[in-house]
Amino acid sequence: MTTPIIMLVLIITPWLIARGISGAMRSDFDARSAAAIGLSILFMFTGIGHFAQTELMVQMIPTWVPVRVFLVYVTGILEFVIAVGFLIPKCRRFTGWAAAAILILFFPANVHAAINHVPMGGHAWGPVYLLVRAPLQAVILFWVYWFTIRQPGTALQADAPPAVRQ
């Protein structure tokens, strides 16, 4: 059950560090870049899981799906590509859309894993784990949207002081 906590720490920590440094230095806070770094770290972490725990990842995919091992490797590589994309400002919005799609497309595998008590990342808890996983997925999707997909300069930010604009 520690995996969701690790995932949250990975995406939020760079944002918190950048926020702290900008506050201490009294400089502008680049929330979008800091959050993108966190997302990059998160996708690198989850991509590594596809190679370090391949067999457990394979168990998350229904048995009727062909070439499950190959799919685990390909999706791991895709997560690495997304991780790199978040680090390239010109690619960030497109990468955000790709990450959002992946998060939505992968969720059924999490449901399957929870229903079948796959012993990985909390799924062994069964369907109860989805009470943790679904909100976590929503938080990550929101983070992706807010910091990478959403166009900066919306009405919500117009009234914010320059130091906290995102």
N, C-alpha and C. Protein backbone atom coordinates (compact mmCIF):
# COMPACT_ATOMS: atom_id res chain seq x y z
N MET A 1 0.82 -1.20 0.00
CA MET A 1 0.00 0.00 0.00
C MET A 1 0.86 1.26 0.00
N THR A 2 2.15 1.07 0.07
CA THR A 2 3.04 2.24 0.07
C THR A 2 3.20 2.84 -1.32
N THR A 3 2.90 2.10 -2.37
CA THR A 3 3.08 2.61 -3.73
C THR A 3 2.30 3.90 -3.98
N PRO A 4 1.02 4.01 -3.61
CA PRO A 4 0.32 5.28 -3.84
C PRO A 4 0.97 6.46 -3.10
N ILE A 5 1.48 6.21 -1.92
CA ILE A 5 2.15 7.28 -1.16
C ILE A 5 3.43 7.69 -1.88
N ILE A 6 4.18 6.71 -2.33
CA ILE A 6 5.41 7.00 -3.09
C ILE A 6 5.07 7.82 -4.33
N MET A 7 4.02 7.44 -5.02
CA MET A 7 3.64 8.14 -6.24
C MET A 7 3.29 9.61 -5.95
N LEU A 8 2.54 9.84 -4.90
CA LEU A 8 2.20 11.22 -4.53
C LEU A 8 3.43 12.02 -4.15
N VAL A 9 4.31 11.41 -3.39
CA VAL A 9 5.54 12.10 -2.98
C VAL A 9 6.38 12.45 -4.21
N LEU A 10 6.45 11.54 -5.17
CA LEU A 10 7.25 11.78 -6.37
C LEU A 10 6.74 12.97 -7.19
N ILE A 11 5.42 13.10 -7.31
CA ILE A 11 4.92 14.20 -8.14
C ILE A 11 4.90 15.53 -7.39
N ILE A 12 4.72 15.49 -6.08
CA ILE A 12 4.56 16.75 -5.33
C ILE A 12 5.89 17.33 -4.85
N THR A 13 6.87 16.48 -4.52
CA THR A 13 8.12 16.97 -3.93
C THR A 13 8.85 18.01 -4.77
N PRO A 14 9.06 17.81 -6.08
CA PRO A 14 9.75 18.86 -6.84
C PRO A 14 9.00 20.20 -6.80
N TRP A 15 7.67 20.14 -6.82
CA TRP A 15 6.86 21.36 -6.74
C TRP A 15 7.07 22.05 -5.40
N LEU A 16 7.06 21.26 -4.31
CA LEU A 16 7.27 21.84 -2.97
C LEU A 16 8.67 22.42 -2.82
N ILE A 17 9.67 21.73 -3.33
CA ILE A 17 11.05 22.22 -3.26
C ILE A 17 11.19 23.54 -4.03
N ALA A 18 10.66 23.56 -5.25
CA ALA A 18 10.74 24.79 -6.07
C ALA A 18 9.99 25.93 -5.39
N ARG A 19 8.85 25.62 -4.82
CA ARG A 19 8.06 26.64 -4.11
C ARG A 19 8.85 27.18 -2.92
N GLY A 20 9.48 26.30 -2.17
CA GLY A 20 10.28 26.73 -1.02
C GLY A 20 11.47 27.57 -1.43
N ILE A 21 12.17 27.14 -2.46
CA ILE A 21 13.34 27.89 -2.93
C ILE A 21 12.93 29.27 -3.44
N SER A 22 11.85 29.31 -4.22
CA SER A 22 11.42 30.61 -4.76
C SER A 22 10.96 31.54 -3.64
N GLY A 23 10.35 30.98 -2.61
CA GLY A 23 9.94 31.80 -1.46
C GLY A 23 11.14 32.33 -0.71
N ALA A 24 12.13 31.46 -0.49
CA ALA A 24 13.33 31.87 0.25
C ALA A 24 14.16 32.88 -0.54
N MET A 25 14.18 32.73 -1.85
CA MET A 25 14.98 33.61 -2.70
C MET A 25 14.16 34.82 -3.18
N ARG A 26 12.88 34.82 -2.84
CA ARG A 26 11.96 35.89 -3.28
C ARG A 26 11.99 36.05 -4.80
N SER A 27 11.87 34.91 -5.48
CA SER A 27 11.88 34.91 -6.94
C SER A 27 10.59 34.29 -7.46
N ASP A 28 10.37 34.42 -8.76
CA ASP A 28 9.18 33.83 -9.35
C ASP A 28 9.21 32.31 -9.20
N PHE A 29 8.04 31.76 -9.02
CA PHE A 29 7.87 30.32 -8.84
C PHE A 29 7.34 29.73 -10.15
N ASP A 30 8.11 28.88 -10.79
CA ASP A 30 7.70 28.23 -12.02
C ASP A 30 7.03 26.90 -11.68
N ALA A 31 5.77 26.99 -11.31
CA ALA A 31 5.03 25.81 -10.86
C ALA A 31 4.90 24.77 -11.96
N ARG A 32 4.71 25.21 -13.19
CA ARG A 32 4.51 24.27 -14.30
C ARG A 32 5.75 23.41 -14.52
N SER A 33 6.92 24.02 -14.51
CA SER A 33 8.15 23.24 -14.71
C SER A 33 8.41 22.32 -13.54
N ALA A 34 8.20 22.81 -12.32
CA ALA A 34 8.42 21.98 -11.14
C ALA A 34 7.47 20.79 -11.13
N ALA A 35 6.21 21.02 -11.48
CA ALA A 35 5.23 19.93 -11.52
C ALA A 35 5.57 18.94 -12.64
N ALA A 36 6.06 19.45 -13.76
CA ALA A 36 6.45 18.57 -14.87
C ALA A 36 7.62 17.67 -14.47
N ILE A 37 8.54 18.20 -13.68
CA ILE A 37 9.65 17.38 -13.19
C ILE A 37 9.10 16.25 -12.31
N GLY A 38 8.16 16.59 -11.45
CA GLY A 38 7.53 15.56 -10.62
C GLY A 38 6.84 14.50 -11.45
N LEU A 39 6.13 14.92 -12.48
CA LEU A 39 5.47 13.96 -13.37
C LEU A 39 6.49 13.09 -14.10
N SER A 40 7.59 13.70 -14.50
CA SER A 40 8.64 12.95 -15.16
C SER A 40 9.19 11.87 -14.22
N ILE A 41 9.44 12.24 -12.99
CA ILE A 41 9.95 11.27 -12.01
C ILE A 41 8.93 10.16 -11.79
N LEU A 42 7.65 10.53 -11.70
CA LEU A 42 6.60 9.54 -11.50
C LEU A 42 6.56 8.54 -12.67
N PHE A 43 6.58 9.05 -13.89
CA PHE A 43 6.52 8.15 -15.05
C PHE A 43 7.79 7.32 -15.19
N MET A 44 8.91 7.85 -14.78
CA MET A 44 10.15 7.07 -14.78
C MET A 44 10.01 5.92 -13.76
N PHE A 45 9.50 6.24 -12.58
CA PHE A 45 9.28 5.25 -11.52
C PHE A 45 8.35 4.13 -12.01
N THR A 46 7.22 4.52 -12.60
CA THR A 46 6.28 3.50 -13.05
C THR A 46 6.82 2.73 -14.26
N GLY A 47 7.59 3.40 -15.11
CA GLY A 47 8.22 2.71 -16.25
C GLY A 47 9.20 1.66 -15.78
N ILE A 48 9.97 1.98 -14.76
CA ILE A 48 10.94 1.02 -14.20
C ILE A 48 10.20 -0.22 -13.70
N GLY A 49 9.03 0.01 -13.11
CA GLY A 49 8.23 -1.11 -12.62
C GLY A 49 7.89 -2.12 -13.70
N HIS A 50 7.73 -1.66 -14.92
CA HIS A 50 7.40 -2.56 -16.03
C HIS A 50 8.55 -3.52 -16.34
N PHE A 51 9.76 -3.13 -16.00
CA PHE A 51 10.93 -3.99 -16.26
C PHE A 51 11.39 -4.73 -15.01
N ALA A 52 11.24 -4.10 -13.85
CA ALA A 52 11.68 -4.72 -12.60
C ALA A 52 10.68 -5.75 -12.09
N GLN A 53 9.41 -5.57 -12.42
CA GLN A 53 8.37 -6.48 -11.93
C GLN A 53 7.47 -6.92 -13.08
N THR A 54 8.10 -7.36 -14.14
CA THR A 54 7.37 -7.70 -15.36
C THR A 54 6.29 -8.74 -15.12
N GLU A 55 6.63 -9.80 -14.43
CA GLU A 55 5.65 -10.89 -14.23
C GLU A 55 4.44 -10.43 -13.44
N LEU A 56 4.65 -9.59 -12.43
CA LEU A 56 3.51 -9.06 -11.68
C LEU A 56 2.67 -8.13 -12.56
N MET A 57 3.34 -7.36 -13.41
CA MET A 57 2.62 -6.48 -14.33
C MET A 57 1.80 -7.31 -15.32
N VAL A 58 2.36 -8.42 -15.77
CA VAL A 58 1.65 -9.29 -16.70
C VAL A 58 0.37 -9.80 -16.05
N GLN A 59 0.42 -10.10 -14.76
CA GLN A 59 -0.76 -10.59 -14.05
C GLN A 59 -1.87 -9.55 -13.98
N MET A 60 -1.51 -8.28 -14.14
CA MET A 60 -2.51 -7.21 -14.10
C MET A 60 -3.35 -7.16 -15.38
N ILE A 61 -2.89 -7.81 -16.43
CA ILE A 61 -3.58 -7.80 -17.72
C ILE A 61 -4.41 -9.07 -17.84
N PRO A 62 -5.66 -8.95 -18.27
CA PRO A 62 -6.50 -10.15 -18.43
C PRO A 62 -5.83 -11.19 -19.33
N THR A 63 -6.04 -12.46 -19.03
CA THR A 63 -5.39 -13.54 -19.76
C THR A 63 -5.81 -13.60 -21.23
N TRP A 64 -6.97 -13.07 -21.58
CA TRP A 64 -7.43 -13.11 -22.97
C TRP A 64 -6.68 -12.10 -23.85
N VAL A 65 -5.92 -11.19 -23.24
CA VAL A 65 -5.14 -10.22 -24.02
C VAL A 65 -3.88 -10.93 -24.53
N PRO A 66 -3.63 -10.88 -25.84
CA PRO A 66 -2.43 -11.54 -26.37
C PRO A 66 -1.15 -10.76 -26.06
N VAL A 67 -0.04 -11.41 -26.18
CA VAL A 67 1.32 -10.85 -26.02
C VAL A 67 1.43 -9.93 -24.81
N ARG A 68 1.03 -10.43 -23.66
CA ARG A 68 1.01 -9.61 -22.45
C ARG A 68 2.40 -9.14 -22.03
N VAL A 69 3.40 -10.00 -22.11
CA VAL A 69 4.76 -9.60 -21.72
C VAL A 69 5.25 -8.47 -22.63
N PHE A 70 5.04 -8.64 -23.92
CA PHE A 70 5.41 -7.61 -24.89
C PHE A 70 4.72 -6.29 -24.56
N LEU A 71 3.43 -6.34 -24.24
CA LEU A 71 2.68 -5.13 -23.89
C LEU A 71 3.25 -4.44 -22.65
N VAL A 72 3.66 -5.22 -21.68
CA VAL A 72 4.25 -4.65 -20.47
C VAL A 72 5.53 -3.91 -20.83
N TYR A 73 6.37 -4.51 -21.65
CA TYR A 73 7.62 -3.85 -22.05
C TYR A 73 7.36 -2.59 -22.88
N VAL A 74 6.44 -2.70 -23.83
CA VAL A 74 6.13 -1.55 -24.69
C VAL A 74 5.56 -0.39 -23.86
N THR A 75 4.67 -0.70 -22.95
CA THR A 75 4.09 0.37 -22.13
C THR A 75 5.13 0.95 -21.17
N GLY A 76 6.08 0.13 -20.73
CA GLY A 76 7.17 0.65 -19.91
C GLY A 76 8.01 1.65 -20.70
N ILE A 77 8.31 1.30 -21.94
CA ILE A 77 9.07 2.21 -22.80
C ILE A 77 8.26 3.49 -23.05
N LEU A 78 6.97 3.33 -23.28
CA LEU A 78 6.10 4.49 -23.48
C LEU A 78 6.13 5.41 -22.25
N GLU A 79 6.15 4.84 -21.08
CA GLU A 79 6.22 5.66 -19.86
C GLU A 79 7.56 6.38 -19.77
N PHE A 80 8.64 5.76 -20.21
CA PHE A 80 9.94 6.45 -20.26
C PHE A 80 9.89 7.62 -21.24
N VAL A 81 9.28 7.41 -22.39
CA VAL A 81 9.16 8.47 -23.39
C VAL A 81 8.34 9.63 -22.81
N ILE A 82 7.26 9.33 -22.13
CA ILE A 82 6.45 10.36 -21.49
C ILE A 82 7.27 11.10 -20.44
N ALA A 83 8.05 10.36 -19.65
CA ALA A 83 8.89 10.99 -18.63
C ALA A 83 9.84 12.01 -19.26
N VAL A 84 10.45 11.65 -20.37
CA VAL A 84 11.36 12.57 -21.07
C VAL A 84 10.58 13.74 -21.64
N GLY A 85 9.41 13.48 -22.22
CA GLY A 85 8.60 14.53 -22.82
C GLY A 85 8.23 15.62 -21.83
N PHE A 86 7.99 15.25 -20.58
CA PHE A 86 7.66 16.25 -19.57
C PHE A 86 8.82 17.20 -19.30
N LEU A 87 10.04 16.77 -19.59
CA LEU A 87 11.21 17.61 -19.34
C LEU A 87 11.51 18.58 -20.49
N ILE A 88 10.81 18.42 -21.59
CA ILE A 88 11.02 19.29 -22.76
C ILE A 88 9.84 20.26 -22.84
N PRO A 89 10.06 21.53 -22.49
CA PRO A 89 8.94 22.48 -22.43
C PRO A 89 8.08 22.52 -23.70
N LYS A 90 8.66 22.45 -24.87
CA LYS A 90 7.88 22.51 -26.11
C LYS A 90 7.01 21.27 -26.31
N CYS A 91 7.36 20.18 -25.67
CA CYS A 91 6.62 18.93 -25.81
C CYS A 91 5.64 18.70 -24.66
N ARG A 92 5.69 19.55 -23.67
CA ARG A 92 4.99 19.30 -22.41
C ARG A 92 3.48 19.13 -22.57
N ARG A 93 2.85 19.98 -23.38
CA ARG A 93 1.38 19.90 -23.51
C ARG A 93 0.99 18.61 -24.23
N PHE A 94 1.65 18.30 -25.33
CA PHE A 94 1.38 17.05 -26.03
C PHE A 94 1.63 15.85 -25.10
N THR A 95 2.71 15.91 -24.36
CA THR A 95 3.04 14.84 -23.42
C THR A 95 1.95 14.71 -22.36
N GLY A 96 1.43 15.85 -21.91
CA GLY A 96 0.33 15.82 -20.94
C GLY A 96 -0.88 15.08 -21.48
N TRP A 97 -1.23 15.36 -22.74
CA TRP A 97 -2.35 14.65 -23.37
C TRP A 97 -2.05 13.15 -23.46
N ALA A 98 -0.83 12.80 -23.83
CA ALA A 98 -0.45 11.38 -23.92
C ALA A 98 -0.52 10.72 -22.54
N ALA A 99 -0.02 11.41 -21.53
CA ALA A 99 -0.05 10.86 -20.17
C ALA A 99 -1.49 10.68 -19.69
N ALA A 100 -2.35 11.66 -19.97
CA ALA A 100 -3.75 11.55 -19.57
C ALA A 100 -4.40 10.34 -20.23
N ALA A 101 -4.13 10.17 -21.52
CA ALA A 101 -4.69 9.02 -22.23
C ALA A 101 -4.19 7.70 -21.64
N ILE A 102 -2.92 7.63 -21.35
CA ILE A 102 -2.34 6.42 -20.77
C ILE A 102 -2.96 6.12 -19.40
N LEU A 103 -3.08 7.16 -18.58
CA LEU A 103 -3.68 6.96 -17.25
C LEU A 103 -5.10 6.42 -17.36
N ILE A 104 -5.85 6.92 -18.31
CA ILE A 104 -7.23 6.45 -18.49
C ILE A 104 -7.25 5.04 -19.08
N LEU A 105 -6.40 4.80 -20.07
CA LEU A 105 -6.38 3.49 -20.72
C LEU A 105 -5.85 2.38 -19.81
N PHE A 106 -4.94 2.73 -18.89
CA PHE A 106 -4.38 1.73 -17.99
C PHE A 106 -5.30 1.41 -16.81
N PHE A 107 -6.26 2.27 -16.52
CA PHE A 107 -7.09 2.06 -15.33
C PHE A 107 -7.82 0.71 -15.34
N PRO A 108 -8.36 0.24 -16.47
CA PRO A 108 -8.98 -1.08 -16.45
C PRO A 108 -8.04 -2.20 -15.98
N ALA A 109 -6.75 -2.07 -16.27
CA ALA A 109 -5.80 -3.07 -15.77
C ALA A 109 -5.73 -3.02 -14.25
N ASN A 110 -5.85 -1.83 -13.68
CA ASN A 110 -5.87 -1.71 -12.22
C ASN A 110 -7.14 -2.33 -11.63
N VAL A 111 -8.25 -2.15 -12.31
CA VAL A 111 -9.51 -2.77 -11.86
C VAL A 111 -9.37 -4.29 -11.92
N HIS A 112 -8.87 -4.80 -13.04
CA HIS A 112 -8.67 -6.25 -13.19
C HIS A 112 -7.74 -6.78 -12.10
N ALA A 113 -6.65 -6.06 -11.84
CA ALA A 113 -5.68 -6.49 -10.82
C ALA A 113 -6.31 -6.51 -9.43
N ALA A 114 -7.11 -5.50 -9.13
CA ALA A 114 -7.75 -5.45 -7.81
C ALA A 114 -8.78 -6.57 -7.66
N ILE A 115 -9.58 -6.79 -8.67
CA ILE A 115 -10.60 -7.85 -8.61
C ILE A 115 -9.95 -9.22 -8.47
N ASN A 116 -8.78 -9.39 -9.08
CA ASN A 116 -8.08 -10.68 -9.05
C ASN A 116 -6.98 -10.74 -7.98
N HIS A 117 -6.92 -9.75 -7.12
CA HIS A 117 -5.98 -9.72 -5.99
C HIS A 117 -4.53 -9.94 -6.43
N VAL A 118 -4.11 -9.28 -7.49
CA VAL A 118 -2.73 -9.39 -7.96
C VAL A 118 -1.81 -8.80 -6.89
N PRO A 119 -0.80 -9.56 -6.46
CA PRO A 119 0.05 -9.13 -5.34
C PRO A 119 1.06 -8.05 -5.73
N MET A 120 0.56 -6.90 -6.16
CA MET A 120 1.46 -5.84 -6.58
C MET A 120 0.84 -4.48 -6.26
N GLY A 121 1.63 -3.62 -5.64
CA GLY A 121 1.23 -2.23 -5.45
C GLY A 121 -0.09 -2.02 -4.74
N GLY A 122 -0.53 -2.94 -3.91
CA GLY A 122 -1.77 -2.77 -3.17
C GLY A 122 -2.94 -3.53 -3.77
N HIS A 123 -2.79 -4.04 -4.99
CA HIS A 123 -3.90 -4.72 -5.64
C HIS A 123 -4.33 -5.98 -4.90
N ALA A 124 -3.44 -6.56 -4.11
CA ALA A 124 -3.78 -7.77 -3.36
C ALA A 124 -4.90 -7.50 -2.36
N TRP A 125 -5.15 -6.24 -2.05
CA TRP A 125 -6.25 -5.89 -1.16
C TRP A 125 -7.60 -6.19 -1.79
N GLY A 126 -7.59 -6.36 -3.09
CA GLY A 126 -8.83 -6.62 -3.80
C GLY A 126 -9.53 -5.33 -4.19
N PRO A 127 -10.83 -5.41 -4.45
CA PRO A 127 -11.58 -4.23 -4.91
C PRO A 127 -11.51 -3.03 -3.97
N VAL A 128 -11.25 -3.27 -2.69
CA VAL A 128 -11.13 -2.16 -1.73
C VAL A 128 -9.98 -1.24 -2.15
N TYR A 129 -8.95 -1.81 -2.77
CA TYR A 129 -7.81 -1.00 -3.20
C TYR A 129 -8.24 0.09 -4.19
N LEU A 130 -9.30 -0.17 -4.93
CA LEU A 130 -9.77 0.82 -5.90
C LEU A 130 -10.25 2.09 -5.20
N LEU A 131 -10.61 1.98 -3.92
CA LEU A 131 -10.99 3.18 -3.16
C LEU A 131 -9.77 4.09 -2.94
N VAL A 132 -8.58 3.52 -3.04
CA VAL A 132 -7.35 4.31 -2.98
C VAL A 132 -6.89 4.65 -4.39
N ARG A 133 -6.92 3.67 -5.25
CA ARG A 133 -6.35 3.84 -6.60
C ARG A 133 -7.14 4.83 -7.45
N ALA A 134 -8.46 4.77 -7.41
CA ALA A 134 -9.26 5.67 -8.24
C ALA A 134 -9.02 7.14 -7.86
N PRO A 135 -9.07 7.51 -6.57
CA PRO A 135 -8.76 8.91 -6.24
C PRO A 135 -7.32 9.29 -6.57
N LEU A 136 -6.37 8.37 -6.40
CA LEU A 136 -4.98 8.64 -6.77
C LEU A 136 -4.88 8.93 -8.27
N GLN A 137 -5.55 8.11 -9.06
CA GLN A 137 -5.55 8.31 -10.50
C GLN A 137 -6.15 9.68 -10.85
N ALA A 138 -7.22 10.04 -10.14
CA ALA A 138 -7.86 11.35 -10.37
C ALA A 138 -6.91 12.50 -10.01
N VAL A 139 -6.17 12.35 -8.92
CA VAL A 139 -5.20 13.38 -8.52
C VAL A 139 -4.10 13.52 -9.57
N ILE A 140 -3.59 12.40 -10.04
CA ILE A 140 -2.53 12.44 -11.05
C ILE A 140 -3.06 13.06 -12.35
N LEU A 141 -4.27 12.67 -12.75
CA LEU A 141 -4.87 13.26 -13.94
C LEU A 141 -5.06 14.77 -13.78
N PHE A 142 -5.51 15.19 -12.61
CA PHE A 142 -5.68 16.62 -12.36
C PHE A 142 -4.32 17.33 -12.45
N TRP A 143 -3.30 16.74 -11.85
CA TRP A 143 -1.95 17.32 -11.87
C TRP A 143 -1.45 17.46 -13.31
N VAL A 144 -1.65 16.42 -14.09
CA VAL A 144 -1.26 16.45 -15.50
C VAL A 144 -2.01 17.57 -16.22
N TYR A 145 -3.32 17.63 -16.02
CA TYR A 145 -4.12 18.65 -16.69
C TYR A 145 -3.69 20.06 -16.26
N TRP A 146 -3.65 20.29 -14.96
CA TRP A 146 -3.42 21.63 -14.44
C TRP A 146 -2.06 22.20 -14.83
N PHE A 147 -1.06 21.35 -14.81
CA PHE A 147 0.29 21.86 -15.02
C PHE A 147 0.85 21.64 -16.43
N THR A 148 0.21 20.81 -17.24
CA THR A 148 0.79 20.57 -18.57
C THR A 148 -0.19 20.79 -19.72
N ILE A 149 -1.45 20.46 -19.54
CA ILE A 149 -2.41 20.58 -20.63
C ILE A 149 -3.08 21.95 -20.64
N ARG A 150 -3.52 22.40 -19.50
CA ARG A 150 -4.22 23.67 -19.38
C ARG A 150 -3.34 24.82 -19.87
N GLN A 151 -3.93 25.69 -20.62
CA GLN A 151 -3.19 26.85 -21.12
C GLN A 151 -2.96 27.83 -19.97
N PRO A 152 -1.72 28.31 -19.80
CA PRO A 152 -1.47 29.28 -18.74
C PRO A 152 -2.18 30.59 -19.04
N GLY A 153 -2.42 31.36 -17.96
CA GLY A 153 -3.02 32.67 -18.12
C GLY A 153 -4.53 32.65 -18.13
N THR A 154 -5.15 31.62 -17.54
CA THR A 154 -6.59 31.59 -17.48
C THR A 154 -7.08 32.60 -16.45
N ALA A 155 -8.37 32.78 -16.38
CA ALA A 155 -8.96 33.78 -15.48
C ALA A 155 -8.56 33.55 -14.03
N LEU A 156 -8.41 32.31 -13.63
CA LEU A 156 -8.03 32.02 -12.25
C LEU A 156 -6.68 32.61 -11.90
N GLN A 157 -5.79 32.72 -12.87
CA GLN A 157 -4.46 33.21 -12.61
C GLN A 157 -4.31 34.70 -12.80
N ALA A 158 -5.27 35.32 -13.47
CA ALA A 158 -5.13 36.73 -13.80
C ALA A 158 -5.02 37.61 -12.56
N ASP A 159 -5.67 37.20 -11.48
CA ASP A 159 -5.65 38.01 -10.27
C ASP A 159 -4.54 37.60 -9.30
N ALA A 160 -3.83 36.52 -9.60
CA ALA A 160 -2.77 36.05 -8.70
C ALA A 160 -1.53 36.92 -8.85
N PRO A 161 -0.82 37.12 -7.74
CA PRO A 161 0.44 37.86 -7.84
C PRO A 161 1.45 37.09 -8.69
N PRO A 162 2.39 37.78 -9.33
CA PRO A 162 3.35 37.10 -10.22
C PRO A 162 4.10 35.94 -9.59
N ALA A 163 4.37 35.99 -8.29
CA ALA A 163 5.18 34.96 -7.64
C ALA A 163 4.46 33.63 -7.56
N VAL A 164 3.11 33.61 -7.69
CA VAL A 164 2.40 32.34 -7.56
C VAL A 164 1.68 31.95 -8.83
N ARG A 165 1.84 32.69 -9.90
CA ARG A 165 1.20 32.28 -11.15
C ARG A 165 1.78 30.98 -11.63
N GLN A 166 0.94 30.17 -12.23
CA GLN A 166 1.37 28.83 -12.65
C GLN A 166 1.39 28.76 -14.13
